[in-house]
Amino acid sequence: MRKSVFGLIAIAGLLAGPAFSQEATPSSAAVEVSAFELPWSDFASPEAGQWFADHVLAPGPTFGPDIAKVREDYAVVDRSRIARLRALYDVSIERTEIGGVPVQIVTPADRAPDPGRILINLHGGGFFWGSDTGALVEAIPIAASSGMQVVTVDYRLAPEARFPAASEDVASVYASLLERFDAKSIGIYGCSAGSMLTAQSVVWFQQHDLPSPGAIGLFYMGASMPGGDSVYLSQVASGGEPGNSIDWTAHPYFAGSDFSDPKLVPLASPEAIAAFPPTLLISGTRDGGLSSVLATHAALNRAGVLADLHVWDGMWHSFMSDPEPQESREAYRTVGAFFRKELGSDDARTGSGALETGGKQ
């Protein structure tokens, strides 16, 4: 499903444009790439290669002006993923509100959830789609692999809302959870646009007197706008045309925004990056967001922040959305282990117990 997997490339300004303000690239550094056949990676699993051939290269939803149709087209894809994930992972799901914001609480059903630690998920979808179904795709396997409840936030989207509406929604949920959990026992992770929002939210917290979470996860995108080599190479490596540079200001969610504001582009501020919590970064070599992930990892390292980078060869944007490839299941375990290691300690878990839910749905 090339369009569904690479939706951020298909829409205006979602996997292209400048990462942050920098000097112009010398034109003499550009190269012309000749056509060639790219074989499947020797280092990626055969099952991932079969999934790539059968599904990633197949036509999928396309982005168009009818946002309601786009959202439903992607929801159809995600409902299939949810069914396959729930066949593998036993969880309960409850829809409710926290801090006045719609959320879903995903709880491991095969054991008692960790009573002192909790995760917040910020779904992908280009700031256009992903609420409800897309969010569950990202929350189900992580709740199961971590043993923690995952609160996935249905934050406001474009074109109905614009920056910083999503950051405000995340802050409302986070502030409410702080009444029950210690900040160091709360983790936040996001995928694609949700990864950008995770980084933006950390800076929002910094500037609005909210404590830093215990750890975060940035998956398929870093703390910048997309850019770098991967924007161009990822589409070619997935059977499409090369990407190109698009003006991010054309995206309705960012209309009228100041792109020098670290609440929008955290990577533009070394001071903001230096105050980040321990960070897990995940990507693949065919992911259009890889360059942003690598640049963020380098910036965190320069700032002395614990940054744990995992890149799977041959994997595409949002590869963890499908549980069939071996690499997806490895990534789930990596996420669970990271948050179990970095969130709080036995002495620091001051939470008053897991969130109460109404049972399995």
Foldseek 3Di string as FASTA:
>chain_A
DQCLQVVLQQDFQRLFADFADDDDDDPVPDDDDDDDDDDFDPQFDVLVVVCLVVPNLDDADHDDDPLVVSQVRSLVVLVVLLVVLCVVFPWFWDWDDALNFIKIKIARPVDFADWQAAEEEEEDDSLRYCPPRNQSLVQRLLNRLQSHIYIYTPWHGPPVAAPPRRLVRVVSRVVRCVVFHPQLRYEYEYARVRLCSVQLNQVVCVVVVHDAHQEYERELAHLTRHYDDLQQQLQVLSPHHGGDHGHNCPDNRCPPHDSCDCSNRVLNDLVSLLRHAAYEYEEEPSRSRVVRSVSSQVSNVVSVHHYHYDYRYNDYGPNLSHPRTPVNSVVSNVSSVVSVVRRADPVRRPGPTGDDDDDHD
